[in-house]
C-alpha cells in the first residue's frame, strides 16, 4: 500500500503563467512537489511559493537545459524525502489528468521490472492551429512496451538513481536518452492506454514549428553520436533518414538539374510520393484522411529543419563548442 510519502512530483517551467497554476493545482493531492524555475519574470516563483511548493531556482550563469532542471528537482525531492519510491515529472505547461497517478503507480507496483510508465499526453487546444494538432497526433504513441517516454512520466526512483538521472548537457532528447540507459540496465518502459496529461503547446506560427523540429534534428544527431555504436544503433536510422531526405536527395537533384539537365528536378516529386505513402499506407489518424495527409506533409517537410539541427550539432562538435537551448516559445 503506497503512502503519501511514496510519490513526489517535479515540475519544470519558465513564464508559464496560468498554465503553471493549473499544473500545480492538478498535483495538489501530493504532499511532495518541487517546482524548478529557470528565470521566470511572470510571477511563477511567487505563485509556487504561495502554494507551499518546494522551490528551486536554477543558477542562470550555467547553461540551461530541461535535463538539468529535472535533475535539480529530483535531488531536491530526495533531500526532502530520502525514502521516496516514485517521482512524476511534469512540464509546467501540462496538467495531470485525474486518476492517472493511481493507475500509473499501481502499474509500477505490480511490475517491478518496469522503471517508467507513461500514458496519453493530450493537446488541450488541438484546433487552435495545425501545429497544435500535429503535436497531439505525435503524442498518440503505441500502447504497450516502449523504448522511451516524453517529459511527463512516472519513474521508479531506484532506477533513476541507478543511472544517475538525466544527462545535464543534452539540450533536447534527454528523455529518450535516459530511457535508453535504463533499458541498457535491464529496466523496461511501458505506455498505458490511459489519459495522463493535458498539454498546452501554444504553437500558432510556422516559425515555432520550424524551431521545434530543428531541435528534434539536433536531438537525433546528439543521440546517435552518444549511443550510435551500441547494439541497438540508437537513433542511427533516424539520423540517416534526415541526411538522406533533408540533404543528399535535394542537393543531388538540384545540382544535376542546374548543371546536367533540368529534367532531374522532376525527381523532387519523390517527396510528394513520400507524403502520400505516409498519409495512406501509414495513417496517423485512421478517422481523418485530412489529418493523416497534413501529418505526412509535415513529417516530410520536417526533414529540412531537422537537417539544419543536425548540421548545427555537427558544427558545434567540430568546433568543440557547447550547445545552447533551441527555443520555440
C-alpha atoms as a PDB file:
ATOM      1  CA  UNK A   1       0.000   0.000   0.000  1.00  0.00           C
ATOM      2  CA  UNK A   2       1.523   3.304  -1.085  1.00  0.00           C
ATOM      3  CA  UNK A   3       1.679   6.151   1.422  1.00  0.00           C
ATOM      4  CA  UNK A   4       1.607   9.892   0.789  1.00  0.00           C
ATOM      5  CA  UNK A   5       5.391   9.961   1.173  1.00  0.00           C
ATOM      6  CA  UNK A   6       5.994   7.390  -1.572  1.00  0.00           C
ATOM      7  CA  UNK A   7       5.207   9.598  -4.576  1.00  0.00           C
ATOM      8  CA  UNK A   8       6.521  13.054  -5.366  1.00  0.00           C
ATOM      9  CA  UNK A   9       6.401  15.351  -8.384  1.00  0.00           C
ATOM     10  CA  UNK A  10       8.888  17.578 -10.157  1.00  0.00           C
ATOM     11  CA  UNK A  11       7.562  20.432 -12.279  1.00  0.00           C
ATOM     12  CA  UNK A  12       9.857  22.481 -14.505  1.00  0.00           C
ATOM     13  CA  UNK A  13       8.997  25.739 -16.208  1.00  0.00           C
ATOM     14  CA  UNK A  14       9.619  29.335 -17.125  1.00  0.00           C
ATOM     15  CA  UNK A  15       6.981  32.015 -17.599  1.00  0.00           C
ATOM     16  CA  UNK A  16       4.132  29.519 -17.889  1.00  0.00           C
ATOM     17  CA  UNK A  17       1.637  31.841 -16.203  1.00  0.00           C
ATOM     18  CA  UNK A  18      -1.865  30.388 -15.867  1.00  0.00           C
ATOM     19  CA  UNK A  19      -0.659  27.057 -17.222  1.00  0.00           C
ATOM     20  CA  UNK A  20       1.654  26.651 -14.231  1.00  0.00           C
ATOM     21  CA  UNK A  21      -1.190  27.326 -11.795  1.00  0.00           C
ATOM     22  CA  UNK A  22      -3.306  24.621 -13.459  1.00  0.00           C
ATOM     23  CA  UNK A  23      -0.339  22.268 -13.404  1.00  0.00           C
ATOM     24  CA  UNK A  24       0.390  22.730  -9.708  1.00  0.00           C
ATOM     25  CA  UNK A  25      -3.286  22.506  -8.766  1.00  0.00           C
ATOM     26  CA  UNK A  26      -3.575  19.174 -10.588  1.00  0.00           C
ATOM     27  CA  UNK A  27      -0.825  17.850  -8.300  1.00  0.00           C
ATOM     28  CA  UNK A  28      -2.245  19.311  -5.082  1.00  0.00           C
ATOM     29  CA  UNK A  29      -3.203  15.878  -3.723  1.00  0.00           C
ATOM     30  CA  UNK A  30       0.517  15.108  -3.382  1.00  0.00           C
ATOM     31  CA  UNK A  31       2.473  16.101  -0.287  1.00  0.00           C
ATOM     32  CA  UNK A  32       5.810  16.377  -2.077  1.00  0.00           C
ATOM     33  CA  UNK A  33       6.033  18.755  -5.041  1.00  0.00           C
ATOM     34  CA  UNK A  34       9.113  20.580  -6.308  1.00  0.00           C
ATOM     35  CA  UNK A  35       8.920  23.402  -8.817  1.00  0.00           C
ATOM     36  CA  UNK A  36      12.133  24.218 -10.686  1.00  0.00           C
ATOM     37  CA  UNK A  37      12.134  27.696 -12.177  1.00  0.00           C
ATOM     38  CA  UNK A  38      14.560  28.872 -14.845  1.00  0.00           C
ATOM     39  CA  UNK A  39      14.349  32.637 -14.652  1.00  0.00           C
ATOM     40  CA  UNK A  40      10.623  33.407 -14.811  1.00  0.00           C
ATOM     41  CA  UNK A  41       9.564  37.051 -14.731  1.00  0.00           C
ATOM     42  CA  UNK A  42       5.788  36.485 -14.708  1.00  0.00           C
ATOM     43  CA  UNK A  43       5.198  35.693 -11.052  1.00  0.00           C
ATOM     44  CA  UNK A  44       5.707  31.926 -11.342  1.00  0.00           C
ATOM     45  CA  UNK A  45       8.112  31.903  -8.397  1.00  0.00           C
ATOM     46  CA  UNK A  46       5.689  33.844  -6.228  1.00  0.00           C
ATOM     47  CA  UNK A  47       2.825  31.538  -7.231  1.00  0.00           C
ATOM     48  CA  UNK A  48       4.732  28.384  -6.305  1.00  0.00           C
ATOM     49  CA  UNK A  49       5.841  29.905  -3.008  1.00  0.00           C
ATOM     50  CA  UNK A  50       2.294  30.974  -2.146  1.00  0.00           C
ATOM     51  CA  UNK A  51       1.034  27.455  -2.836  1.00  0.00           C
ATOM     52  CA  UNK A  52       3.639  25.984  -0.474  1.00  0.00           C
ATOM     53  CA  UNK A  53       5.568  24.208  -3.217  1.00  0.00           C
ATOM     54  CA  UNK A  54       9.243  23.402  -2.686  1.00  0.00           C
ATOM     55  CA  UNK A  55      11.048  25.915  -4.910  1.00  0.00           C
ATOM     56  CA  UNK A  56      14.344  25.504  -6.755  1.00  0.00           C
ATOM     57  CA  UNK A  57      15.685  28.439  -8.747  1.00  0.00           C
ATOM     58  CA  UNK A  58      18.300  27.398 -11.281  1.00  0.00           C
ATOM     59  CA  UNK A  59      21.624  29.223 -11.404  1.00  0.00           C
ATOM     60  CA  UNK A  60      21.272  31.030 -14.728  1.00  0.00           C
ATOM     61  CA  UNK A  61      25.039  31.555 -15.020  1.00  0.00           C
ATOM     62  CA  UNK A  62      25.161  27.884 -16.010  1.00  0.00           C
ATOM     63  CA  UNK A  63      23.806  26.676 -19.378  1.00  0.00           C
ATOM     64  CA  UNK A  64      20.120  25.820 -19.030  1.00  0.00           C
ATOM     65  CA  UNK A  65      18.662  22.506 -20.145  1.00  0.00           C
ATOM     66  CA  UNK A  66      15.410  20.777 -19.214  1.00  0.00           C
ATOM     67  CA  UNK A  67      17.527  17.801 -18.152  1.00  0.00           C
ATOM     68  CA  UNK A  68      19.448  19.932 -15.676  1.00  0.00           C
ATOM     69  CA  UNK A  69      16.172  21.329 -14.303  1.00  0.00           C
ATOM     70  CA  UNK A  70      14.714  17.831 -13.833  1.00  0.00           C
ATOM     71  CA  UNK A  71      17.839  16.626 -12.056  1.00  0.00           C
ATOM     72  CA  UNK A  72      17.805  19.641  -9.754  1.00  0.00           C
ATOM     73  CA  UNK A  73      14.170  18.976  -8.902  1.00  0.00           C
ATOM     74  CA  UNK A  74      14.795  15.277  -8.375  1.00  0.00           C
ATOM     75  CA  UNK A  75      17.686  15.973  -5.994  1.00  0.00           C
ATOM     76  CA  UNK A  76      15.578  18.473  -4.045  1.00  0.00           C
ATOM     77  CA  UNK A  77      12.768  15.936  -3.810  1.00  0.00           C
ATOM     78  CA  UNK A  78      15.095  13.279  -2.414  1.00  0.00           C
ATOM     79  CA  UNK A  79      16.598  15.754   0.043  1.00  0.00           C
ATOM     80  CA  UNK A  80      13.125  16.291   1.482  1.00  0.00           C
ATOM     81  CA  UNK A  81      12.115  12.617   1.311  1.00  0.00           C
ATOM     82  CA  UNK A  82      15.023  10.118   1.023  1.00  0.00           C
ATOM     83  CA  UNK A  83      12.647   7.131   1.072  1.00  0.00           C
ATOM     84  CA  UNK A  84      10.655   8.315  -1.937  1.00  0.00           C
ATOM     85  CA  UNK A  85       9.600   5.446  -4.197  1.00  0.00           C
ATOM     86  CA  UNK A  86       8.263   7.138  -7.346  1.00  0.00           C
ATOM     87  CA  UNK A  87       8.654  10.547  -8.965  1.00  0.00           C
ATOM     88  CA  UNK A  88       6.346  12.037 -11.561  1.00  0.00           C
ATOM     89  CA  UNK A  89       7.963  14.552 -13.879  1.00  0.00           C
ATOM     90  CA  UNK A  90       5.613  17.130 -15.376  1.00  0.00           C
ATOM     91  CA  UNK A  91       6.304  20.064 -17.673  1.00  0.00           C
ATOM     92  CA  UNK A  92       4.893  23.354 -16.412  1.00  0.00           C
ATOM     93  CA  UNK A  93       2.567  23.701 -19.403  1.00  0.00           C
ATOM     94  CA  UNK A  94       0.861  20.395 -18.605  1.00  0.00           C
ATOM     95  CA  UNK A  95      -1.956  19.423 -16.257  1.00  0.00           C
ATOM     96  CA  UNK A  96      -2.192  15.958 -14.701  1.00  0.00           C
ATOM     97  CA  UNK A  97      -5.474  14.209 -15.505  1.00  0.00           C
ATOM     98  CA  UNK A  98      -7.475  12.952 -12.539  1.00  0.00           C
ATOM     99  CA  UNK A  99      -6.983   9.263 -11.818  1.00  0.00           C
ATOM    100  CA  UNK A 100      -3.789   8.914 -13.824  1.00  0.00           C
ATOM    101  CA  UNK A 101      -1.389   8.815 -10.896  1.00  0.00           C
ATOM    102  CA  UNK A 102      -3.296   5.991  -9.205  1.00  0.00           C
ATOM    103  CA  UNK A 103      -3.317   3.973 -12.448  1.00  0.00           C
ATOM    104  CA  UNK A 104       0.376   4.574 -13.104  1.00  0.00           C
ATOM    105  CA  UNK A 105       1.598   3.844  -9.572  1.00  0.00           C
ATOM    106  CA  UNK A 106      -0.453   0.645  -9.387  1.00  0.00           C
ATOM    107  CA  UNK A 107       1.154  -0.497 -12.624  1.00  0.00           C
ATOM    108  CA  UNK A 108       4.676   0.043 -11.295  1.00  0.00           C
ATOM    109  CA  UNK A 109       3.756  -1.676  -8.039  1.00  0.00           C
ATOM    110  CA  UNK A 110       2.622  -4.733 -10.000  1.00  0.00           C
ATOM    111  CA  UNK A 111       5.554  -4.685 -12.473  1.00  0.00           C
ATOM    112  CA  UNK A 112       8.841  -4.433 -10.571  1.00  0.00           C
ATOM    113  CA  UNK A 113      10.975  -4.697 -13.735  1.00  0.00           C
ATOM    114  CA  UNK A 114       9.466  -1.549 -15.214  1.00  0.00           C
ATOM    115  CA  UNK A 115      11.186   1.729 -14.436  1.00  0.00           C
ATOM    116  CA  UNK A 116       8.938   4.126 -16.334  1.00  0.00           C
ATOM    117  CA  UNK A 117       5.246   4.282 -17.130  1.00  0.00           C
ATOM    118  CA  UNK A 118       3.587   6.922 -19.249  1.00  0.00           C
ATOM    119  CA  UNK A 119       0.155   7.474 -20.752  1.00  0.00           C
ATOM    120  CA  UNK A 120      -1.525   9.665 -23.342  1.00  0.00           C
ATOM    121  CA  UNK A 121      -0.430  13.267 -23.380  1.00  0.00           C
ATOM    122  CA  UNK A 122      -3.308  15.206 -24.975  1.00  0.00           C
ATOM    123  CA  UNK A 123      -3.200  18.635 -26.550  1.00  0.00           C
ATOM    124  CA  UNK A 124      -5.690  20.947 -24.826  1.00  0.00           C
ATOM    125  CA  UNK A 125      -6.326  23.078 -27.929  1.00  0.00           C
ATOM    126  CA  UNK A 126      -5.738  20.833 -30.968  1.00  0.00           C
ATOM    127  CA  UNK A 127      -7.904  23.004 -33.214  1.00  0.00           C
ATOM    128  CA  UNK A 128      -6.117  26.248 -32.382  1.00  0.00           C
ATOM    129  CA  UNK A 129      -3.554  25.573 -35.126  1.00  0.00           C
ATOM    130  CA  UNK A 130      -2.310  22.817 -37.394  1.00  0.00           C
ATOM    131  CA  UNK A 131       0.883  22.791 -35.319  1.00  0.00           C
ATOM    132  CA  UNK A 132      -1.019  22.037 -32.107  1.00  0.00           C
ATOM    133  CA  UNK A 133      -2.866  19.287 -33.957  1.00  0.00           C
ATOM    134  CA  UNK A 134       0.429  17.823 -35.169  1.00  0.00           C
ATOM    135  CA  UNK A 135       1.664  17.701 -31.576  1.00  0.00           C
ATOM    136  CA  UNK A 136      -1.465  15.866 -30.485  1.00  0.00           C
ATOM    137  CA  UNK A 137      -1.020  13.269 -33.240  1.00  0.00           C
ATOM    138  CA  UNK A 138       2.679  12.931 -32.438  1.00  0.00           C
ATOM    139  CA  UNK A 139       1.923  12.182 -28.786  1.00  0.00           C
ATOM    140  CA  UNK A 140      -0.540   9.410 -29.624  1.00  0.00           C
ATOM    141  CA  UNK A 141       2.155   6.737 -29.348  1.00  0.00           C
ATOM    142  CA  UNK A 142       1.510   2.950 -29.448  1.00  0.00           C
ATOM    143  CA  UNK A 143       0.270   1.286 -26.274  1.00  0.00           C
ATOM    144  CA  UNK A 144       2.471  -1.408 -24.727  1.00  0.00           C
ATOM    145  CA  UNK A 145       6.198  -1.927 -24.221  1.00  0.00           C
ATOM    146  CA  UNK A 146       8.026   1.197 -25.342  1.00  0.00           C
ATOM    147  CA  UNK A 147      11.572   2.389 -25.893  1.00  0.00           C
ATOM    148  CA  UNK A 148      11.085   5.866 -24.458  1.00  0.00           C
ATOM    149  CA  UNK A 149       8.826   8.349 -22.702  1.00  0.00           C
ATOM    150  CA  UNK A 150       8.345  12.089 -23.007  1.00  0.00           C
ATOM    151  CA  UNK A 151       8.657  14.838 -20.428  1.00  0.00           C
ATOM    152  CA  UNK A 152       5.643  13.584 -18.466  1.00  0.00           C
ATOM    153  CA  UNK A 153       6.105  10.175 -16.849  1.00  0.00           C
ATOM    154  CA  UNK A 154       6.088   8.311 -13.541  1.00  0.00           C
ATOM    155  CA  UNK A 155       9.562   6.909 -12.826  1.00  0.00           C
ATOM    156  CA  UNK A 156      10.862   4.486 -10.231  1.00  0.00           C
ATOM    157  CA  UNK A 157      13.299   6.397  -8.002  1.00  0.00           C
ATOM    158  CA  UNK A 158      15.673   3.455  -7.554  1.00  0.00           C
ATOM    159  CA  UNK A 159      16.019   3.060 -11.321  1.00  0.00           C
ATOM    160  CA  UNK A 160      16.643   6.757 -11.941  1.00  0.00           C
ATOM    161  CA  UNK A 161      19.237   6.841  -9.161  1.00  0.00           C
ATOM    162  CA  UNK A 162      20.954   3.796 -10.693  1.00  0.00           C
ATOM    163  CA  UNK A 163      21.666   5.666 -13.930  1.00  0.00           C
ATOM    164  CA  UNK A 164      22.333   8.977 -12.144  1.00  0.00           C
ATOM    165  CA  UNK A 165      19.394  10.790 -13.690  1.00  0.00           C
ATOM    166  CA  UNK A 166      19.243  12.708 -16.934  1.00  0.00           C
ATOM    167  CA  UNK A 167      22.253  13.987 -18.853  1.00  0.00           C
ATOM    168  CA  UNK A 168      22.600  17.654 -17.910  1.00  0.00           C
ATOM    169  CA  UNK A 169      24.375  18.558 -21.158  1.00  0.00           C
ATOM    170  CA  UNK A 170      21.636  17.435 -23.568  1.00  0.00           C
ATOM    171  CA  UNK A 171      19.589  20.372 -24.860  1.00  0.00           C
ATOM    172  CA  UNK A 172      16.992  18.043 -26.438  1.00  0.00           C
ATOM    173  CA  UNK A 173      16.039  14.378 -26.484  1.00  0.00           C
ATOM    174  CA  UNK A 174      17.007  13.897 -22.847  1.00  0.00           C
ATOM    175  CA  UNK A 175      14.029  11.659 -22.018  1.00  0.00           C
ATOM    176  CA  UNK A 176      14.615   9.005 -24.737  1.00  0.00           C
ATOM    177  CA  UNK A 177      18.330   9.036 -23.915  1.00  0.00           C
ATOM    178  CA  UNK A 178      17.562   8.484 -20.240  1.00  0.00           C
ATOM    179  CA  UNK A 179      15.238   5.620 -21.194  1.00  0.00           C
ATOM    180  CA  UNK A 180      17.959   4.113 -23.392  1.00  0.00           C
ATOM    181  CA  UNK A 181      20.329   3.938 -20.426  1.00  0.00           C
ATOM    182  CA  UNK A 182      17.586   2.435 -18.278  1.00  0.00           C
ATOM    183  CA  UNK A 183      16.953  -0.268 -20.873  1.00  0.00           C
ATOM    184  CA  UNK A 184      20.676  -0.967 -21.056  1.00  0.00           C
ATOM    185  CA  UNK A 185      20.477  -1.751 -17.337  1.00  0.00           C
ATOM    186  CA  UNK A 186      17.608  -4.191 -17.911  1.00  0.00           C
ATOM    187  CA  UNK A 187      14.728  -1.896 -16.968  1.00  0.00           C
ATOM    188  CA  UNK A 188      11.533  -1.640 -19.049  1.00  0.00           C
ATOM    189  CA  UNK A 189       9.350   1.249 -20.237  1.00  0.00           C
ATOM    190  CA  UNK A 190       5.583   0.966 -20.709  1.00  0.00           C
ATOM    191  CA  UNK A 191       2.905   3.107 -22.354  1.00  0.00           C
ATOM    192  CA  UNK A 192      -0.514   2.588 -20.771  1.00  0.00           C
ATOM    193  CA  UNK A 193      -3.804   3.088 -22.571  1.00  0.00           C
ATOM    194  CA  UNK A 194      -4.834   5.849 -20.192  1.00  0.00           C
ATOM    195  CA  UNK A 195      -5.016   9.631 -20.370  1.00  0.00           C
ATOM    196  CA  UNK A 196      -2.097  11.176 -18.486  1.00  0.00           C
ATOM    197  CA  UNK A 197      -1.823  14.950 -19.042  1.00  0.00           C
ATOM    198  CA  UNK A 198      -3.358  17.890 -20.833  1.00  0.00           C
ATOM    199  CA  UNK A 199      -0.738  19.933 -22.646  1.00  0.00           C
ATOM    200  CA  UNK A 200      -0.966  23.477 -23.953  1.00  0.00           C
ATOM    201  CA  UNK A 201       1.536  23.560 -26.811  1.00  0.00           C
ATOM    202  CA  UNK A 202       0.804  27.146 -27.773  1.00  0.00           C
ATOM    203  CA  UNK A 203       2.197  26.649 -31.290  1.00  0.00           C
ATOM    204  CA  UNK A 204       0.487  29.160 -33.550  1.00  0.00           C
ATOM    205  CA  UNK A 205       3.215  30.124 -36.008  1.00  0.00           C
ATOM    206  CA  UNK A 206       5.175  28.269 -38.659  1.00  0.00           C
ATOM    207  CA  UNK A 207       8.489  29.550 -37.276  1.00  0.00           C
ATOM    208  CA  UNK A 208       7.693  27.951 -33.896  1.00  0.00           C
ATOM    209  CA  UNK A 209       7.084  24.603 -35.578  1.00  0.00           C
ATOM    210  CA  UNK A 210      10.310  25.049 -37.574  1.00  0.00           C
ATOM    211  CA  UNK A 211      12.379  25.733 -34.451  1.00  0.00           C
ATOM    212  CA  UNK A 212      10.824  22.801 -32.578  1.00  0.00           C
ATOM    213  CA  UNK A 213      11.545  20.473 -35.498  1.00  0.00           C
ATOM    214  CA  UNK A 214      15.085  21.788 -35.836  1.00  0.00           C
ATOM    215  CA  UNK A 215      15.602  20.936 -32.180  1.00  0.00           C
ATOM    216  CA  UNK A 216      14.416  17.411 -32.972  1.00  0.00           C
ATOM    217  CA  UNK A 217      17.105  17.063 -35.629  1.00  0.00           C
ATOM    218  CA  UNK A 218      19.710  18.224 -33.140  1.00  0.00           C
ATOM    219  CA  UNK A 219      18.436  15.623 -30.660  1.00  0.00           C
ATOM    220  CA  UNK A 220      18.670  12.771 -33.180  1.00  0.00           C
ATOM    221  CA  UNK A 221      22.231  13.756 -34.074  1.00  0.00           C
ATOM    222  CA  UNK A 222      23.297  14.072 -30.432  1.00  0.00           C
ATOM    223  CA  UNK A 223      21.693  10.750 -29.513  1.00  0.00           C
ATOM    224  CA  UNK A 224      23.282   8.821 -32.359  1.00  0.00           C
ATOM    225  CA  UNK A 225      26.621  10.415 -31.547  1.00  0.00           C
ATOM    226  CA  UNK A 226      26.354   9.222 -27.946  1.00  0.00           C
ATOM    227  CA  UNK A 227      24.996   5.709 -28.464  1.00  0.00           C
ATOM    228  CA  UNK A 228      25.040   5.018 -32.192  1.00  0.00           C
ATOM    229  CA  UNK A 229      27.684   2.331 -31.779  1.00  0.00           C
ATOM    230  CA  UNK A 230      25.527   0.358 -29.359  1.00  0.00           C
ATOM    231  CA  UNK A 231      23.944  -2.919 -30.429  1.00  0.00           C
ATOM    232  CA  UNK A 232      20.668  -1.060 -30.799  1.00  0.00           C
ATOM    233  CA  UNK A 233      22.331   1.597 -33.002  1.00  0.00           C
ATOM    234  CA  UNK A 234      20.423   4.227 -31.110  1.00  0.00           C
ATOM    235  CA  UNK A 235      18.895   6.853 -33.437  1.00  0.00           C
ATOM    236  CA  UNK A 236      21.269   5.971 -36.283  1.00  0.00           C
ATOM    237  CA  UNK A 237      18.377   5.123 -38.624  1.00  0.00           C
ATOM    238  CA  UNK A 238      16.625   8.406 -37.820  1.00  0.00           C
ATOM    239  CA  UNK A 239      19.813  10.413 -38.388  1.00  0.00           C
ATOM    240  CA  UNK A 240      20.465   8.699 -41.718  1.00  0.00           C
ATOM    241  CA  UNK A 241      16.894   9.432 -42.788  1.00  0.00           C
ATOM    242  CA  UNK A 242      17.427  13.134 -42.072  1.00  0.00           C
ATOM    243  CA  UNK A 243      20.680  13.107 -44.042  1.00  0.00           C
ATOM    244  CA  UNK A 244      19.044  11.364 -46.979  1.00  0.00           C
ATOM    245  CA  UNK A 245      15.789  13.325 -47.262  1.00  0.00           C
ATOM    246  CA  UNK A 246      16.995  16.652 -45.893  1.00  0.00           C
ATOM    247  CA  UNK A 247      20.414  16.708 -47.533  1.00  0.00           C
ATOM    248  CA  UNK A 248      21.532  14.119 -50.073  1.00  0.00           C
ATOM    249  CA  UNK A 249      18.414  13.816 -52.259  1.00  0.00           C
ATOM    250  CA  UNK A 250      17.550  17.511 -52.679  1.00  0.00           C
ATOM    251  CA  UNK A 251      21.163  18.608 -53.079  1.00  0.00           C
ATOM    252  CA  UNK A 252      21.889  15.939 -55.681  1.00  0.00           C
ATOM    253  CA  UNK A 253      18.741  16.597 -57.715  1.00  0.00           C
ATOM    254  CA  UNK A 254      19.166  20.379 -57.680  1.00  0.00           C
ATOM    255  CA  UNK A 255      22.834  20.184 -58.728  1.00  0.00           C
ATOM    256  CA  UNK A 256      22.048  17.726 -61.527  1.00  0.00           C
ATOM    257  CA  UNK A 257      19.087  19.849 -62.609  1.00  0.00           C
ATOM    258  CA  UNK A 258      21.134  23.014 -62.806  1.00  0.00           C
ATOM    259  CA  UNK A 259      24.298  21.543 -64.319  1.00  0.00           C
ATOM    260  CA  UNK A 260      23.252  18.491 -66.333  1.00  0.00           C
ATOM    261  CA  UNK A 261      19.571  18.606 -67.271  1.00  0.00           C
ATOM    262  CA  UNK A 262      16.578  20.451 -65.792  1.00  0.00           C
ATOM    263  CA  UNK A 263      14.557  17.233 -66.037  1.00  0.00           C
ATOM    264  CA  UNK A 264      16.413  15.967 -62.985  1.00  0.00           C
ATOM    265  CA  UNK A 265      14.379  18.479 -60.974  1.00  0.00           C
ATOM    266  CA  UNK A 266      11.326  16.339 -61.644  1.00  0.00           C
ATOM    267  CA  UNK A 267      12.893  13.869 -59.234  1.00  0.00           C
ATOM    268  CA  UNK A 268      11.746  16.165 -56.445  1.00  0.00           C
ATOM    269  CA  UNK A 269       8.289  14.652 -56.933  1.00  0.00           C
ATOM    270  CA  UNK A 270       9.643  11.799 -54.804  1.00  0.00           C
ATOM    271  CA  UNK A 271       8.747  13.986 -51.816  1.00  0.00           C
ATOM    272  CA  UNK A 272       5.097  14.027 -52.859  1.00  0.00           C
ATOM    273  CA  UNK A 273       5.203  10.245 -53.166  1.00  0.00           C
ATOM    274  CA  UNK A 274       6.679  10.023 -49.678  1.00  0.00           C
ATOM    275  CA  UNK A 275       3.929  12.254 -48.280  1.00  0.00           C
ATOM    276  CA  UNK A 276       1.216  10.107 -49.854  1.00  0.00           C
ATOM    277  CA  UNK A 277       2.929   6.939 -48.626  1.00  0.00           C
ATOM    278  CA  UNK A 278       2.881   8.170 -45.038  1.00  0.00           C
ATOM    279  CA  UNK A 279      -0.667   9.510 -45.313  1.00  0.00           C
ATOM    280  CA  UNK A 280      -2.304   6.494 -46.943  1.00  0.00           C
ATOM    281  CA  UNK A 281      -0.156   3.468 -46.068  1.00  0.00           C
ATOM    282  CA  UNK A 282       0.683   4.523 -42.510  1.00  0.00           C
ATOM    283  CA  UNK A 283      -2.143   6.890 -41.488  1.00  0.00           C
ATOM    284  CA  UNK A 284      -1.616   8.517 -38.117  1.00  0.00           C
ATOM    285  CA  UNK A 285      -5.351   9.216 -37.838  1.00  0.00           C
ATOM    286  CA  UNK A 286      -7.464   6.426 -39.320  1.00  0.00           C
ATOM    287  CA  UNK A 287     -10.583   8.529 -38.872  1.00  0.00           C
ATOM    288  CA  UNK A 288      -9.299  11.511 -40.846  1.00  0.00           C
ATOM    289  CA  UNK A 289      -7.519  11.408 -44.209  1.00  0.00           C
ATOM    290  CA  UNK A 290      -7.006  15.154 -43.896  1.00  0.00           C
ATOM    291  CA  UNK A 291      -5.130  14.850 -40.620  1.00  0.00           C
ATOM    292  CA  UNK A 292      -3.054  11.959 -41.967  1.00  0.00           C
ATOM    293  CA  UNK A 293      -2.166  13.971 -45.072  1.00  0.00           C
ATOM    294  CA  UNK A 294      -1.146  17.010 -43.046  1.00  0.00           C
ATOM    295  CA  UNK A 295       0.897  14.778 -40.771  1.00  0.00           C
ATOM    296  CA  UNK A 296       2.664  13.166 -43.754  1.00  0.00           C
ATOM    297  CA  UNK A 297       3.302  16.577 -45.307  1.00  0.00           C
ATOM    298  CA  UNK A 298       4.913  17.981 -42.173  1.00  0.00           C
ATOM    299  CA  UNK A 299       6.919  14.808 -41.489  1.00  0.00           C
ATOM    300  CA  UNK A 300       8.498  15.143 -44.928  1.00  0.00           C
ATOM    301  CA  UNK A 301       8.882  18.917 -44.734  1.00  0.00           C
ATOM    302  CA  UNK A 302      10.384  18.466 -41.282  1.00  0.00           C
ATOM    303  CA  UNK A 303      13.450  16.753 -42.741  1.00  0.00           C
ATOM    304  CA  UNK A 304      14.755  20.183 -43.745  1.00  0.00           C
ATOM    305  CA  UNK A 305      14.722  21.911 -40.326  1.00  0.00           C
ATOM    306  CA  UNK A 306      15.930  18.616 -38.867  1.00  0.00           C
ATOM    307  CA  UNK A 307      18.855  18.745 -41.289  1.00  0.00           C
ATOM    308  CA  UNK A 308      19.688  22.232 -40.060  1.00  0.00           C
ATOM    309  CA  UNK A 309      19.589  20.936 -36.474  1.00  0.00           C
ATOM    310  CA  UNK A 310      21.859  18.049 -37.435  1.00  0.00           C
ATOM    311  CA  UNK A 311      24.343  20.418 -39.094  1.00  0.00           C
ATOM    312  CA  UNK A 312      24.175  22.648 -36.033  1.00  0.00           C
ATOM    313  CA  UNK A 313      25.166  19.719 -33.846  1.00  0.00           C
ATOM    314  CA  UNK A 314      27.976  18.680 -36.210  1.00  0.00           C
ATOM    315  CA  UNK A 315      29.449  22.184 -36.373  1.00  0.00           C
ATOM    316  CA  UNK A 316      29.385  22.629 -32.593  1.00  0.00           C
ATOM    317  CA  UNK A 317      31.041  19.254 -32.099  1.00  0.00           C
ATOM    318  CA  UNK A 318      33.698  20.075 -34.710  1.00  0.00           C
ATOM    319  CA  UNK A 319      34.457  23.390 -33.008  1.00  0.00           C
ATOM    320  CA  UNK A 320      34.233  21.853 -29.506  1.00  0.00           C
ATOM    321  CA  UNK A 321      31.580  24.384 -28.500  1.00  0.00           C
ATOM    322  CA  UNK A 322      28.762  23.848 -26.032  1.00  0.00           C
ATOM    323  CA  UNK A 323      25.235  23.986 -27.473  1.00  0.00           C
ATOM    324  CA  UNK A 324      22.624  26.443 -26.273  1.00  0.00           C
ATOM    325  CA  UNK A 325      18.940  25.761 -25.932  1.00  0.00           C
ATOM    326  CA  UNK A 326      16.885  25.853 -29.151  1.00  0.00           C
ATOM    327  CA  UNK A 327      13.715  27.605 -28.007  1.00  0.00           C
ATOM    328  CA  UNK A 328      10.436  27.814 -29.892  1.00  0.00           C
ATOM    329  CA  UNK A 329       8.128  29.520 -27.364  1.00  0.00           C
END
